Amino acid sequence: MQVLKIEARGSRVYCFLLQNGFVSHNLTCKDWDLAHIVPEIGDGNFLDMGSSDSYILRNISLKRIHGEMYGIDLREPDVPVIRSNIS
């Protein structure tokens, strides 16, 4: 029964991310973090240490925030961060 409760919460978090224009993590257990962190981030500069596969940077770029984004990691990212022009 507990597994079903966890799965239902996971589905709601996944839907929340998609409905708000965010990218879901390929590990659904990390969607909870994304759903609670990304909406709270405002304009500013960001540094993600250990950023390979940085869904945080990818999602804050979708929010079109103002600021520089940097990621540091020893591996190439699986999820590239693409910034659109912000005026």
N, C-alpha and C. Protein backbone atom coordinates (compact mmCIF):
# COMPACT_ATOMS: atom_id res chain seq x y z
N MET A 1 0.81 -1.19 0.00
CA MET A 1 0.00 0.00 0.00
C MET A 1 0.86 1.26 0.00
N GLN A 2 1.94 1.27 0.76
CA GLN A 2 2.84 2.43 0.82
C GLN A 2 3.43 2.73 -0.55
N VAL A 3 3.77 1.72 -1.33
CA VAL A 3 4.33 1.92 -2.67
C VAL A 3 3.34 2.66 -3.54
N LEU A 4 2.07 2.34 -3.46
CA LEU A 4 1.05 3.02 -4.26
C LEU A 4 0.95 4.50 -3.89
N LYS A 5 1.06 4.82 -2.61
CA LYS A 5 1.02 6.21 -2.17
C LYS A 5 2.20 6.99 -2.73
N ILE A 6 3.38 6.39 -2.67
CA ILE A 6 4.58 7.04 -3.20
C ILE A 6 4.45 7.23 -4.71
N GLU A 7 3.96 6.23 -5.41
CA GLU A 7 3.80 6.33 -6.86
C GLU A 7 2.80 7.41 -7.23
N ALA A 8 1.71 7.55 -6.48
CA ALA A 8 0.70 8.57 -6.76
C ALA A 8 1.30 9.96 -6.57
N ARG A 9 2.10 10.15 -5.50
CA ARG A 9 2.75 11.44 -5.28
C ARG A 9 3.72 11.73 -6.41
N GLY A 10 4.44 10.71 -6.88
CA GLY A 10 5.38 10.88 -7.98
C GLY A 10 4.67 11.31 -9.25
N SER A 11 3.51 10.77 -9.51
CA SER A 11 2.73 11.15 -10.69
C SER A 11 2.28 12.60 -10.60
N ARG A 12 1.87 13.03 -9.42
CA ARG A 12 1.43 14.43 -9.24
C ARG A 12 2.59 15.39 -9.44
N VAL A 13 3.75 15.03 -8.94
CA VAL A 13 4.93 15.88 -9.09
C VAL A 13 5.32 15.97 -10.56
N TYR A 14 5.31 14.85 -11.25
CA TYR A 14 5.62 14.81 -12.69
C TYR A 14 4.65 15.70 -13.45
N CYS A 15 3.37 15.60 -13.17
CA CYS A 15 2.35 16.43 -13.84
C CYS A 15 2.57 17.90 -13.53
N PHE A 16 2.91 18.22 -12.28
CA PHE A 16 3.18 19.61 -11.90
C PHE A 16 4.31 20.18 -12.74
N LEU A 17 5.40 19.43 -12.88
CA LEU A 17 6.53 19.91 -13.66
C LEU A 17 6.12 20.17 -15.11
N LEU A 18 5.45 19.23 -15.71
CA LEU A 18 5.05 19.38 -17.11
C LEU A 18 4.06 20.53 -17.30
N GLN A 19 3.10 20.65 -16.41
CA GLN A 19 2.10 21.71 -16.53
C GLN A 19 2.71 23.10 -16.37
N ASN A 20 3.83 23.19 -15.69
CA ASN A 20 4.48 24.48 -15.48
C ASN A 20 5.64 24.71 -16.44
N GLY A 21 5.76 23.86 -17.45
CA GLY A 21 6.77 24.05 -18.49
C GLY A 21 8.17 23.62 -18.11
N PHE A 22 8.29 22.77 -17.10
CA PHE A 22 9.60 22.30 -16.67
C PHE A 22 9.89 20.92 -17.25
N VAL A 23 11.15 20.53 -17.18
CA VAL A 23 11.60 19.23 -17.66
C VAL A 23 11.69 18.28 -16.47
N SER A 24 11.11 17.12 -16.63
CA SER A 24 11.17 16.08 -15.60
C SER A 24 12.54 15.41 -15.64
N HIS A 25 13.01 14.99 -14.48
CA HIS A 25 14.29 14.28 -14.38
C HIS A 25 14.13 12.86 -14.91
N ASN A 26 15.19 12.30 -15.45
CA ASN A 26 15.10 10.91 -15.91
C ASN A 26 15.02 9.92 -14.75
N LEU A 27 15.36 10.37 -13.55
CA LEU A 27 15.13 9.59 -12.33
C LEU A 27 13.96 10.23 -11.61
N THR A 28 12.80 9.61 -11.66
CA THR A 28 11.59 10.23 -11.13
C THR A 28 11.70 10.59 -9.65
N CYS A 29 12.56 9.91 -8.92
CA CYS A 29 12.72 10.24 -7.50
C CYS A 29 13.29 11.64 -7.30
N LYS A 30 13.92 12.20 -8.32
CA LYS A 30 14.49 13.54 -8.21
C LYS A 30 13.51 14.63 -8.65
N ASP A 31 12.38 14.26 -9.22
CA ASP A 31 11.37 15.24 -9.61
C ASP A 31 10.86 16.02 -8.40
N TRP A 32 10.78 15.38 -7.26
CA TRP A 32 10.31 16.04 -6.04
C TRP A 32 11.21 17.25 -5.74
N ASP A 33 12.53 17.06 -5.83
CA ASP A 33 13.47 18.16 -5.60
C ASP A 33 13.24 19.28 -6.61
N LEU A 34 13.13 18.92 -7.88
CA LEU A 34 12.92 19.92 -8.93
C LEU A 34 11.65 20.73 -8.68
N ALA A 35 10.57 20.04 -8.33
CA ALA A 35 9.29 20.71 -8.12
C ALA A 35 9.32 21.67 -6.93
N HIS A 36 10.20 21.44 -5.98
CA HIS A 36 10.27 22.31 -4.80
C HIS A 36 11.35 23.38 -4.91
N ILE A 37 12.36 23.15 -5.72
CA ILE A 37 13.47 24.09 -5.83
C ILE A 37 13.26 25.09 -6.96
N VAL A 38 12.98 24.60 -8.16
CA VAL A 38 12.95 25.45 -9.35
C VAL A 38 11.94 26.59 -9.26
N PRO A 39 10.70 26.37 -8.81
CA PRO A 39 9.76 27.49 -8.75
C PRO A 39 10.18 28.61 -7.79
N GLU A 40 11.03 28.30 -6.83
CA GLU A 40 11.47 29.29 -5.84
C GLU A 40 12.65 30.13 -6.31
N ILE A 41 13.29 29.76 -7.40
CA ILE A 41 14.49 30.45 -7.87
C ILE A 41 14.09 31.68 -8.67
N GLY A 42 14.72 32.81 -8.33
CA GLY A 42 14.49 34.06 -9.05
C GLY A 42 15.75 34.47 -9.78
N ASP A 43 15.76 35.71 -10.25
CA ASP A 43 16.91 36.23 -10.97
C ASP A 43 18.17 36.17 -10.11
N GLY A 44 19.29 35.93 -10.77
CA GLY A 44 20.58 35.87 -10.09
C GLY A 44 21.53 34.96 -10.83
N ASN A 45 22.75 34.93 -10.37
CA ASN A 45 23.76 34.06 -10.96
C ASN A 45 23.74 32.71 -10.26
N PHE A 46 24.00 31.65 -11.03
CA PHE A 46 23.90 30.30 -10.48
C PHE A 46 25.13 29.48 -10.82
N LEU A 47 25.59 28.72 -9.85
CA LEU A 47 26.69 27.78 -10.04
C LEU A 47 26.21 26.43 -9.54
N ASP A 48 26.25 25.44 -10.42
CA ASP A 48 25.87 24.08 -10.05
C ASP A 48 27.13 23.23 -10.08
N MET A 49 27.58 22.82 -8.91
CA MET A 49 28.78 21.99 -8.79
C MET A 49 28.36 20.53 -8.91
N GLY A 50 29.06 19.78 -9.76
CA GLY A 50 28.67 18.41 -10.03
C GLY A 50 27.44 18.42 -10.92
N SER A 51 27.49 19.25 -11.95
CA SER A 51 26.29 19.60 -12.71
C SER A 51 25.97 18.71 -13.89
N SER A 52 26.74 17.69 -14.16
CA SER A 52 26.40 16.83 -15.29
C SER A 52 24.96 16.35 -15.13
N ASP A 53 24.21 16.44 -16.19
CA ASP A 53 22.77 16.13 -16.14
C ASP A 53 22.03 17.11 -15.24
N SER A 54 22.41 18.39 -15.28
CA SER A 54 21.81 19.37 -14.39
C SER A 54 20.41 19.75 -14.85
N TYR A 55 19.45 19.12 -14.26
CA TYR A 55 18.06 19.45 -14.53
C TYR A 55 17.69 20.77 -13.85
N ILE A 56 18.42 21.13 -12.81
CA ILE A 56 18.19 22.43 -12.17
C ILE A 56 18.52 23.54 -13.17
N LEU A 57 19.73 23.50 -13.76
CA LEU A 57 20.11 24.54 -14.72
C LEU A 57 19.19 24.53 -15.94
N ARG A 58 18.85 23.37 -16.41
CA ARG A 58 17.95 23.27 -17.58
C ARG A 58 16.60 23.92 -17.27
N ASN A 59 16.07 23.64 -16.10
CA ASN A 59 14.76 24.18 -15.74
C ASN A 59 14.79 25.67 -15.43
N ILE A 60 15.85 26.16 -14.80
CA ILE A 60 15.88 27.61 -14.56
C ILE A 60 16.11 28.36 -15.86
N SER A 61 16.73 27.73 -16.84
CA SER A 61 16.86 28.39 -18.14
C SER A 61 15.49 28.51 -18.81
N LEU A 62 14.60 27.55 -18.57
CA LEU A 62 13.25 27.62 -19.11
C LEU A 62 12.43 28.73 -18.46
N LYS A 63 12.78 29.10 -17.23
CA LYS A 63 12.08 30.18 -16.53
C LYS A 63 12.46 31.55 -17.07
N ARG A 64 13.47 31.61 -17.93
CA ARG A 64 13.96 32.86 -18.52
C ARG A 64 14.36 33.88 -17.45
N ILE A 65 15.09 33.39 -16.46
CA ILE A 65 15.59 34.28 -15.41
C ILE A 65 16.75 35.10 -15.95
N HIS A 66 17.04 36.19 -15.30
CA HIS A 66 18.18 37.02 -15.65
C HIS A 66 19.35 36.63 -14.76
N GLY A 67 20.47 36.34 -15.36
CA GLY A 67 21.66 35.97 -14.61
C GLY A 67 22.49 34.98 -15.40
N GLU A 68 23.70 34.80 -14.94
CA GLU A 68 24.62 33.85 -15.56
C GLU A 68 24.42 32.48 -14.93
N MET A 69 24.60 31.44 -15.76
CA MET A 69 24.50 30.07 -15.25
C MET A 69 25.81 29.35 -15.58
N TYR A 70 26.34 28.69 -14.56
CA TYR A 70 27.57 27.94 -14.73
C TYR A 70 27.39 26.55 -14.16
N GLY A 71 27.97 25.58 -14.82
CA GLY A 71 27.96 24.22 -14.33
C GLY A 71 29.37 23.67 -14.37
N ILE A 72 29.76 23.01 -13.31
CA ILE A 72 31.10 22.42 -13.23
C ILE A 72 30.94 20.93 -12.98
N ASP A 73 31.56 20.13 -13.84
CA ASP A 73 31.55 18.68 -13.66
C ASP A 73 32.67 18.08 -14.48
N LEU A 74 33.07 16.88 -14.14
CA LEU A 74 34.10 16.18 -14.89
C LEU A 74 33.53 15.42 -16.07
N ARG A 75 32.21 15.23 -16.10
CA ARG A 75 31.56 14.49 -17.19
C ARG A 75 30.82 15.45 -18.11
N GLU A 76 30.63 15.04 -19.36
CA GLU A 76 29.81 15.79 -20.30
C GLU A 76 28.34 15.65 -19.90
N PRO A 77 27.54 16.69 -20.03
CA PRO A 77 26.13 16.60 -19.64
C PRO A 77 25.29 15.79 -20.64
N ASP A 78 24.32 15.07 -20.11
CA ASP A 78 23.35 14.39 -20.96
C ASP A 78 22.22 15.33 -21.35
N VAL A 79 22.03 16.37 -20.56
CA VAL A 79 20.95 17.33 -20.79
C VAL A 79 21.58 18.70 -21.02
N PRO A 80 21.75 19.09 -22.29
CA PRO A 80 22.36 20.40 -22.54
C PRO A 80 21.42 21.53 -22.12
N VAL A 81 22.00 22.61 -21.67
CA VAL A 81 21.23 23.79 -21.29
C VAL A 81 21.25 24.75 -22.47
N ILE A 82 20.09 25.07 -22.98
CA ILE A 82 19.97 25.97 -24.11
C ILE A 82 19.26 27.22 -23.63
N ARG A 83 19.93 28.36 -23.74
CA ARG A 83 19.35 29.63 -23.31
C ARG A 83 18.81 30.34 -24.52
N SER A 84 17.61 30.85 -24.42
CA SER A 84 17.08 31.70 -25.48
C SER A 84 17.48 33.14 -25.16
N ASN A 85 17.45 34.00 -26.15
CA ASN A 85 17.82 35.40 -25.93
C ASN A 85 16.82 36.05 -25.00
N ILE A 86 17.34 36.71 -23.99
CA ILE A 86 16.51 37.41 -23.02
C ILE A 86 16.76 38.90 -23.21
N SER A 87 15.71 39.64 -23.39
CA SER A 87 15.89 41.08 -23.59
C SER A 87 15.66 41.84 -22.31
